[in-house]
């Protein structure tokens, strides 16, 4: 999916995700709900394009200083890898620990470093540790900010990965890949996750993507209307019962 679609997905997940967090009591009870959403929103939008920082810098969806640091880190090993690819055979590279180390920092677009379950689980892991009080040295203000930031980034990255699963390229599943290796071929779980067939019509920047983007916009509008209704229904003279 293109950046525009990912950002639209971020808008939708910011509304739905926030509503679910509120429903399950995972928001701060002593902080205004509107303020919490406004604080979380920019991190959701940033998270929704964060995996695409594996692009060349000129093609990155965000070019702020944090994005520059992330982009350069993802490409630190590029020159070393290219040099070894010119001077070493494929067999030599497979046996080279240095090449393997450098390749971790040689991300290509939609490579496992960014477009896999790894990035989502890392963010989710830090969020769970924070929720369980594992960072006791943090002040109440620091904890509040980090919790909102990590929640927003996690929701945004999740929306990005789900949307990319709705294209022919899909995303990498490192968990299934590890299981396949540990089973020594006894299990053959899919190492690429897709929600659509590998047909050309489901590629990026097609009519399919335009259709998905349209659905995201409709879903966002309906979600916002629902939240507004929930906020004002107590002031309405009559409550409409959908169930009859």
C-alpha atoms as a PDB file:
ATOM      1  CA  UNK A   1       0.000   0.000   0.000  1.00  0.00           C
ATOM      2  CA  UNK A   2       1.101   3.569  -0.594  1.00  0.00           C
ATOM      3  CA  UNK A   3       1.732   6.166   2.100  1.00  0.00           C
ATOM      4  CA  UNK A   4      -1.654   7.823   1.624  1.00  0.00           C
ATOM      5  CA  UNK A   5      -3.492   4.553   2.297  1.00  0.00           C
ATOM      6  CA  UNK A   6      -1.339   3.782   5.327  1.00  0.00           C
ATOM      7  CA  UNK A   7      -2.033   7.197   6.808  1.00  0.00           C
ATOM      8  CA  UNK A   8      -5.761   6.718   6.258  1.00  0.00           C
ATOM      9  CA  UNK A   9      -5.460   3.365   8.004  1.00  0.00           C
ATOM     10  CA  UNK A  10      -3.741   5.147  10.870  1.00  0.00           C
ATOM     11  CA  UNK A  11      -6.644   7.583  11.194  1.00  0.00           C
ATOM     12  CA  UNK A  12      -9.138   4.708  11.386  1.00  0.00           C
ATOM     13  CA  UNK A  13      -7.152   2.654  13.885  1.00  0.00           C
ATOM     14  CA  UNK A  14      -6.631   5.719  16.079  1.00  0.00           C
ATOM     15  CA  UNK A  15     -10.413   6.005  16.473  1.00  0.00           C
ATOM     16  CA  UNK A  16     -11.245   2.298  16.788  1.00  0.00           C
ATOM     17  CA  UNK A  17      -8.189   1.506  18.897  1.00  0.00           C
ATOM     18  CA  UNK A  18      -8.886   4.378  21.263  1.00  0.00           C
ATOM     19  CA  UNK A  19     -12.507   3.259  21.625  1.00  0.00           C
ATOM     20  CA  UNK A  20     -11.414  -0.303  22.481  1.00  0.00           C
ATOM     21  CA  UNK A  21      -8.863   0.949  24.998  1.00  0.00           C
ATOM     22  CA  UNK A  22     -11.560   3.031  26.662  1.00  0.00           C
ATOM     23  CA  UNK A  23     -13.978   0.087  26.728  1.00  0.00           C
ATOM     24  CA  UNK A  24     -11.440  -2.179  28.439  1.00  0.00           C
ATOM     25  CA  UNK A  25     -10.321   0.438  30.958  1.00  0.00           C
ATOM     26  CA  UNK A  26      -6.815   0.837  29.544  1.00  0.00           C
ATOM     27  CA  UNK A  27      -6.882   4.634  29.413  1.00  0.00           C
ATOM     28  CA  UNK A  28      -5.995   7.075  32.184  1.00  0.00           C
ATOM     29  CA  UNK A  29      -9.091   7.781  34.277  1.00  0.00           C
ATOM     30  CA  UNK A  30      -7.776  11.129  35.528  1.00  0.00           C
ATOM     31  CA  UNK A  31      -6.878  12.554  32.097  1.00  0.00           C
ATOM     32  CA  UNK A  32      -9.473  14.020  29.753  1.00  0.00           C
ATOM     33  CA  UNK A  33     -10.356  11.511  26.999  1.00  0.00           C
ATOM     34  CA  UNK A  34     -10.128  14.108  24.252  1.00  0.00           C
ATOM     35  CA  UNK A  35      -6.663  15.157  25.389  1.00  0.00           C
ATOM     36  CA  UNK A  36      -5.530  11.516  25.523  1.00  0.00           C
ATOM     37  CA  UNK A  37      -6.701  10.934  21.953  1.00  0.00           C
ATOM     38  CA  UNK A  38      -5.012  14.132  20.739  1.00  0.00           C
ATOM     39  CA  UNK A  39      -1.753  13.030  22.389  1.00  0.00           C
ATOM     40  CA  UNK A  40      -1.961   9.524  20.920  1.00  0.00           C
ATOM     41  CA  UNK A  41      -3.034  10.530  17.408  1.00  0.00           C
ATOM     42  CA  UNK A  42       0.320  11.803  16.014  1.00  0.00           C
ATOM     43  CA  UNK A  43       2.090   8.647  17.242  1.00  0.00           C
ATOM     44  CA  UNK A  44      -0.515   6.426  15.565  1.00  0.00           C
ATOM     45  CA  UNK A  45      -0.055   8.308  12.280  1.00  0.00           C
ATOM     46  CA  UNK A  46       3.742   8.118  12.575  1.00  0.00           C
ATOM     47  CA  UNK A  47       3.538   4.402  13.386  1.00  0.00           C
ATOM     48  CA  UNK A  48       1.318   3.865  10.352  1.00  0.00           C
ATOM     49  CA  UNK A  49       4.193   4.857   8.039  1.00  0.00           C
ATOM     50  CA  UNK A  50       7.121   3.847  10.285  1.00  0.00           C
ATOM     51  CA  UNK A  51       7.872   0.508   8.529  1.00  0.00           C
ATOM     52  CA  UNK A  52       8.330   2.332   5.215  1.00  0.00           C
ATOM     53  CA  UNK A  53      11.430   4.080   6.549  1.00  0.00           C
ATOM     54  CA  UNK A  54      13.298   1.156   4.970  1.00  0.00           C
ATOM     55  CA  UNK A  55      12.933   3.033   1.656  1.00  0.00           C
ATOM     56  CA  UNK A  56      15.710   5.115   0.139  1.00  0.00           C
ATOM     57  CA  UNK A  57      15.735   8.421   2.003  1.00  0.00           C
ATOM     58  CA  UNK A  58      14.258  10.339  -0.948  1.00  0.00           C
ATOM     59  CA  UNK A  59      11.235   8.005  -0.907  1.00  0.00           C
ATOM     60  CA  UNK A  60      10.642   7.956   2.845  1.00  0.00           C
ATOM     61  CA  UNK A  61       7.132   9.004   3.935  1.00  0.00           C
ATOM     62  CA  UNK A  62       8.551  11.157   6.743  1.00  0.00           C
ATOM     63  CA  UNK A  63      11.828  13.065   6.756  1.00  0.00           C
ATOM     64  CA  UNK A  64      12.105  14.369  10.285  1.00  0.00           C
ATOM     65  CA  UNK A  65      15.196  13.857  12.445  1.00  0.00           C
ATOM     66  CA  UNK A  66      13.913  10.668  14.172  1.00  0.00           C
ATOM     67  CA  UNK A  67      13.088   9.204  10.747  1.00  0.00           C
ATOM     68  CA  UNK A  68      16.561  10.083   9.471  1.00  0.00           C
ATOM     69  CA  UNK A  69      18.187   8.258  12.404  1.00  0.00           C
ATOM     70  CA  UNK A  70      16.000   5.180  11.871  1.00  0.00           C
ATOM     71  CA  UNK A  71      16.583   5.182   8.105  1.00  0.00           C
ATOM     72  CA  UNK A  72      20.362   5.472   8.446  1.00  0.00           C
ATOM     73  CA  UNK A  73      20.421   2.717  11.081  1.00  0.00           C
ATOM     74  CA  UNK A  74      18.462   0.393   8.793  1.00  0.00           C
ATOM     75  CA  UNK A  75      21.068   0.952   6.053  1.00  0.00           C
ATOM     76  CA  UNK A  76      24.299   0.999   8.091  1.00  0.00           C
ATOM     77  CA  UNK A  77      25.521  -2.269   6.592  1.00  0.00           C
ATOM     78  CA  UNK A  78      24.634  -1.462   2.980  1.00  0.00           C
ATOM     79  CA  UNK A  79      28.128  -0.489   1.769  1.00  0.00           C
ATOM     80  CA  UNK A  80      29.822  -3.413   3.523  1.00  0.00           C
ATOM     81  CA  UNK A  81      27.309  -5.910   2.152  1.00  0.00           C
ATOM     82  CA  UNK A  82      27.624  -4.584  -1.387  1.00  0.00           C
ATOM     83  CA  UNK A  83      31.410  -4.737  -1.202  1.00  0.00           C
ATOM     84  CA  UNK A  84      31.338  -8.345   0.024  1.00  0.00           C
ATOM     85  CA  UNK A  85      28.803  -9.263  -2.659  1.00  0.00           C
ATOM     86  CA  UNK A  86      31.317  -8.071  -5.247  1.00  0.00           C
ATOM     87  CA  UNK A  87      34.300  -9.963  -3.802  1.00  0.00           C
ATOM     88  CA  UNK A  88      32.779 -13.105  -2.221  1.00  0.00           C
ATOM     89  CA  UNK A  89      30.821 -16.030  -3.615  1.00  0.00           C
ATOM     90  CA  UNK A  90      27.321 -16.827  -2.348  1.00  0.00           C
ATOM     91  CA  UNK A  91      28.713 -19.804  -0.416  1.00  0.00           C
ATOM     92  CA  UNK A  92      31.370 -17.637   1.234  1.00  0.00           C
ATOM     93  CA  UNK A  93      28.772 -15.064   2.234  1.00  0.00           C
ATOM     94  CA  UNK A  94      26.551 -17.732   3.783  1.00  0.00           C
ATOM     95  CA  UNK A  95      29.481 -18.806   5.960  1.00  0.00           C
ATOM     96  CA  UNK A  96      30.569 -15.286   6.883  1.00  0.00           C
ATOM     97  CA  UNK A  97      29.449 -14.119  10.326  1.00  0.00           C
ATOM     98  CA  UNK A  98      30.445 -10.547   9.437  1.00  0.00           C
ATOM     99  CA  UNK A  99      28.277 -10.581   6.322  1.00  0.00           C
ATOM    100  CA  UNK A 100      25.328 -11.917   8.314  1.00  0.00           C
ATOM    101  CA  UNK A 101      25.817  -9.171  10.914  1.00  0.00           C
ATOM    102  CA  UNK A 102      26.003  -6.445   8.268  1.00  0.00           C
ATOM    103  CA  UNK A 103      22.947  -7.816   6.472  1.00  0.00           C
ATOM    104  CA  UNK A 104      20.872  -7.155   9.598  1.00  0.00           C
ATOM    105  CA  UNK A 105      21.513  -3.458   8.947  1.00  0.00           C
ATOM    106  CA  UNK A 106      20.930  -3.685   5.213  1.00  0.00           C
ATOM    107  CA  UNK A 107      17.180  -3.280   4.967  1.00  0.00           C
ATOM    108  CA  UNK A 108      15.456  -3.245   1.621  1.00  0.00           C
ATOM    109  CA  UNK A 109      11.874  -2.179   1.085  1.00  0.00           C
ATOM    110  CA  UNK A 110       9.493  -4.651   2.725  1.00  0.00           C
ATOM    111  CA  UNK A 111      12.385  -6.630   4.181  1.00  0.00           C
ATOM    112  CA  UNK A 112      12.033  -8.581   7.428  1.00  0.00           C
ATOM    113  CA  UNK A 113      13.580  -5.803   9.529  1.00  0.00           C
ATOM    114  CA  UNK A 114      10.498  -3.615   9.179  1.00  0.00           C
ATOM    115  CA  UNK A 115       7.746  -5.589   7.449  1.00  0.00           C
ATOM    116  CA  UNK A 116       7.401  -8.521   9.793  1.00  0.00           C
ATOM    117  CA  UNK A 117       5.876  -9.497  13.107  1.00  0.00           C
ATOM    118  CA  UNK A 118       9.210  -8.539  14.727  1.00  0.00           C
ATOM    119  CA  UNK A 119       8.607  -4.770  14.769  1.00  0.00           C
ATOM    120  CA  UNK A 120       5.089  -5.223  16.152  1.00  0.00           C
ATOM    121  CA  UNK A 121       6.171  -7.643  18.908  1.00  0.00           C
ATOM    122  CA  UNK A 122       9.048  -5.380  19.989  1.00  0.00           C
ATOM    123  CA  UNK A 123       6.714  -2.412  20.487  1.00  0.00           C
ATOM    124  CA  UNK A 124       4.056  -4.575  22.132  1.00  0.00           C
ATOM    125  CA  UNK A 125       6.668  -6.091  24.451  1.00  0.00           C
ATOM    126  CA  UNK A 126       7.852  -2.691  25.683  1.00  0.00           C
ATOM    127  CA  UNK A 127       4.237  -1.604  26.170  1.00  0.00           C
ATOM    128  CA  UNK A 128       3.413  -4.696  28.235  1.00  0.00           C
ATOM    129  CA  UNK A 129       6.508  -4.174  30.398  1.00  0.00           C
ATOM    130  CA  UNK A 130       5.473  -0.569  30.981  1.00  0.00           C
ATOM    131  CA  UNK A 131       1.904  -1.555  31.876  1.00  0.00           C
ATOM    132  CA  UNK A 132       3.229  -4.121  34.348  1.00  0.00           C
ATOM    133  CA  UNK A 133       5.339  -1.527  36.151  1.00  0.00           C
ATOM    134  CA  UNK A 134       8.730  -2.832  35.009  1.00  0.00           C
ATOM    135  CA  UNK A 135      10.015   0.740  34.627  1.00  0.00           C
ATOM    136  CA  UNK A 136       9.453   1.760  38.231  1.00  0.00           C
ATOM    137  CA  UNK A 137      12.145   4.457  38.087  1.00  0.00           C
ATOM    138  CA  UNK A 138      10.024   6.543  35.717  1.00  0.00           C
ATOM    139  CA  UNK A 139       8.029   9.440  37.091  1.00  0.00           C
ATOM    140  CA  UNK A 140       4.250   9.494  36.709  1.00  0.00           C
ATOM    141  CA  UNK A 141       4.527  12.043  33.903  1.00  0.00           C
ATOM    142  CA  UNK A 142       7.199  10.071  32.052  1.00  0.00           C
ATOM    143  CA  UNK A 143       5.175   6.871  32.404  1.00  0.00           C
ATOM    144  CA  UNK A 144       2.036   8.554  31.065  1.00  0.00           C
ATOM    145  CA  UNK A 145       3.842   9.969  28.038  1.00  0.00           C
ATOM    146  CA  UNK A 146       5.623   6.693  27.219  1.00  0.00           C
ATOM    147  CA  UNK A 147       2.429   4.705  27.575  1.00  0.00           C
ATOM    148  CA  UNK A 148       0.544   6.973  25.187  1.00  0.00           C
ATOM    149  CA  UNK A 149       3.490   7.058  22.752  1.00  0.00           C
ATOM    150  CA  UNK A 150       4.015   3.274  22.700  1.00  0.00           C
ATOM    151  CA  UNK A 151       0.282   2.609  22.428  1.00  0.00           C
ATOM    152  CA  UNK A 152       0.028   4.959  19.458  1.00  0.00           C
ATOM    153  CA  UNK A 153       3.097   3.534  17.702  1.00  0.00           C
ATOM    154  CA  UNK A 154       1.915  -0.047  18.267  1.00  0.00           C
ATOM    155  CA  UNK A 155      -1.529   0.685  16.832  1.00  0.00           C
ATOM    156  CA  UNK A 156       0.001   2.483  13.853  1.00  0.00           C
ATOM    157  CA  UNK A 157       2.502  -0.271  13.029  1.00  0.00           C
ATOM    158  CA  UNK A 158      -0.244  -2.874  13.379  1.00  0.00           C
ATOM    159  CA  UNK A 159      -2.410  -1.011  10.857  1.00  0.00           C
ATOM    160  CA  UNK A 160       0.534  -0.788   8.440  1.00  0.00           C
ATOM    161  CA  UNK A 161       1.247  -4.513   8.600  1.00  0.00           C
ATOM    162  CA  UNK A 162      -2.409  -5.485   8.205  1.00  0.00           C
ATOM    163  CA  UNK A 163      -2.779  -3.250   5.150  1.00  0.00           C
ATOM    164  CA  UNK A 164       0.378  -4.686   3.584  1.00  0.00           C
ATOM    165  CA  UNK A 165      -1.043  -8.157   4.181  1.00  0.00           C
ATOM    166  CA  UNK A 166      -3.846  -7.053   1.875  1.00  0.00           C
ATOM    167  CA  UNK A 167      -1.405  -6.908  -1.073  1.00  0.00           C
ATOM    168  CA  UNK A 168       0.377  -9.609  -3.054  1.00  0.00           C
ATOM    169  CA  UNK A 169       3.718  -8.955  -1.315  1.00  0.00           C
ATOM    170  CA  UNK A 170       2.373  -9.590   2.183  1.00  0.00           C
ATOM    171  CA  UNK A 171       4.651  -9.406   5.227  1.00  0.00           C
ATOM    172  CA  UNK A 172       7.309 -11.684   6.697  1.00  0.00           C
ATOM    173  CA  UNK A 173       6.387 -13.925   9.633  1.00  0.00           C
ATOM    174  CA  UNK A 174       9.572 -14.568  11.604  1.00  0.00           C
ATOM    175  CA  UNK A 175       7.667 -16.584  14.198  1.00  0.00           C
ATOM    176  CA  UNK A 176       6.523 -19.142  11.637  1.00  0.00           C
ATOM    177  CA  UNK A 177       9.974 -19.132  10.046  1.00  0.00           C
ATOM    178  CA  UNK A 178      11.569 -19.993  13.392  1.00  0.00           C
ATOM    179  CA  UNK A 179       9.022 -22.767  13.982  1.00  0.00           C
ATOM    180  CA  UNK A 180       9.744 -24.232  10.539  1.00  0.00           C
ATOM    181  CA  UNK A 181      13.463 -24.298  11.242  1.00  0.00           C
ATOM    182  CA  UNK A 182      13.058 -25.820  14.693  1.00  0.00           C
ATOM    183  CA  UNK A 183      10.790 -28.527  13.297  1.00  0.00           C
ATOM    184  CA  UNK A 184      13.460 -29.352  10.657  1.00  0.00           C
ATOM    185  CA  UNK A 185      10.959 -29.487   7.847  1.00  0.00           C
ATOM    186  CA  UNK A 186       8.217 -31.362   9.692  1.00  0.00           C
ATOM    187  CA  UNK A 187       6.093 -28.236   9.730  1.00  0.00           C
ATOM    188  CA  UNK A 188       5.630 -25.920   6.774  1.00  0.00           C
ATOM    189  CA  UNK A 189       3.937 -22.845   8.119  1.00  0.00           C
ATOM    190  CA  UNK A 190       3.656 -19.866   5.720  1.00  0.00           C
ATOM    191  CA  UNK A 191       6.631 -17.552   6.103  1.00  0.00           C
ATOM    192  CA  UNK A 192       4.809 -14.787   4.226  1.00  0.00           C
ATOM    193  CA  UNK A 193       1.401 -13.661   5.484  1.00  0.00           C
ATOM    194  CA  UNK A 194      -1.202 -12.451   3.000  1.00  0.00           C
ATOM    195  CA  UNK A 195      -4.934 -11.859   3.232  1.00  0.00           C
ATOM    196  CA  UNK A 196      -5.392 -11.898  -0.543  1.00  0.00           C
ATOM    197  CA  UNK A 197      -4.343 -14.221  -3.394  1.00  0.00           C
ATOM    198  CA  UNK A 198      -1.151 -13.460  -5.334  1.00  0.00           C
ATOM    199  CA  UNK A 199      -3.052 -11.917  -8.212  1.00  0.00           C
ATOM    200  CA  UNK A 200      -1.940  -8.757  -9.969  1.00  0.00           C
ATOM    201  CA  UNK A 201      -5.188  -6.999  -9.170  1.00  0.00           C
ATOM    202  CA  UNK A 202      -4.181  -6.964  -5.477  1.00  0.00           C
ATOM    203  CA  UNK A 203      -0.841  -5.218  -6.059  1.00  0.00           C
ATOM    204  CA  UNK A 204       0.071  -1.839  -4.597  1.00  0.00           C
ATOM    205  CA  UNK A 205      -1.305   1.303  -6.259  1.00  0.00           C
ATOM    206  CA  UNK A 206      -4.122  -0.415  -8.146  1.00  0.00           C
ATOM    207  CA  UNK A 207      -7.905  -0.092  -8.197  1.00  0.00           C
ATOM    208  CA  UNK A 208      -7.906  -2.539  -5.295  1.00  0.00           C
ATOM    209  CA  UNK A 209      -5.925  -0.098  -3.169  1.00  0.00           C
ATOM    210  CA  UNK A 210      -8.263   2.748  -4.138  1.00  0.00           C
ATOM    211  CA  UNK A 211     -11.182   0.581  -3.034  1.00  0.00           C
ATOM    212  CA  UNK A 212      -9.500  -0.246   0.289  1.00  0.00           C
ATOM    213  CA  UNK A 213      -8.740   3.451   0.876  1.00  0.00           C
ATOM    214  CA  UNK A 214     -12.374   4.296   0.217  1.00  0.00           C
ATOM    215  CA  UNK A 215     -13.474   1.686   2.774  1.00  0.00           C
ATOM    216  CA  UNK A 216     -11.032   3.118   5.310  1.00  0.00           C
ATOM    217  CA  UNK A 217     -12.495   6.603   4.880  1.00  0.00           C
ATOM    218  CA  UNK A 218     -16.049   5.306   5.282  1.00  0.00           C
ATOM    219  CA  UNK A 219     -15.021   3.288   8.330  1.00  0.00           C
ATOM    220  CA  UNK A 220     -13.368   6.352   9.882  1.00  0.00           C
ATOM    221  CA  UNK A 221     -16.475   8.500   9.344  1.00  0.00           C
ATOM    222  CA  UNK A 222     -18.763   5.861  10.856  1.00  0.00           C
ATOM    223  CA  UNK A 223     -16.423   5.330  13.823  1.00  0.00           C
ATOM    224  CA  UNK A 224     -16.286   9.057  14.585  1.00  0.00           C
ATOM    225  CA  UNK A 225     -20.083   9.322  14.375  1.00  0.00           C
ATOM    226  CA  UNK A 226     -20.389   6.393  16.771  1.00  0.00           C
ATOM    227  CA  UNK A 227     -18.021   8.005  19.270  1.00  0.00           C
ATOM    228  CA  UNK A 228     -19.910  11.288  19.046  1.00  0.00           C
ATOM    229  CA  UNK A 229     -23.165   9.421  19.682  1.00  0.00           C
ATOM    230  CA  UNK A 230     -21.653   7.676  22.708  1.00  0.00           C
ATOM    231  CA  UNK A 231     -20.502  11.036  24.068  1.00  0.00           C
ATOM    232  CA  UNK A 232     -23.839  12.837  23.692  1.00  0.00           C
ATOM    233  CA  UNK A 233     -26.436  10.068  24.109  1.00  0.00           C
ATOM    234  CA  UNK A 234     -26.830  10.897  27.778  1.00  0.00           C
ATOM    235  CA  UNK A 235     -28.057  14.352  26.800  1.00  0.00           C
ATOM    236  CA  UNK A 236     -30.556  13.173  24.193  1.00  0.00           C
ATOM    237  CA  UNK A 237     -34.241  13.275  25.166  1.00  0.00           C
ATOM    238  CA  UNK A 238     -34.849   9.893  23.576  1.00  0.00           C
ATOM    239  CA  UNK A 239     -32.526   6.884  23.326  1.00  0.00           C
ATOM    240  CA  UNK A 240     -32.874   4.907  20.133  1.00  0.00           C
ATOM    241  CA  UNK A 241     -32.776   1.205  20.852  1.00  0.00           C
ATOM    242  CA  UNK A 242     -31.311  -0.671  17.879  1.00  0.00           C
ATOM    243  CA  UNK A 243     -32.317  -4.022  19.334  1.00  0.00           C
ATOM    244  CA  UNK A 244     -36.034  -3.060  19.478  1.00  0.00           C
END
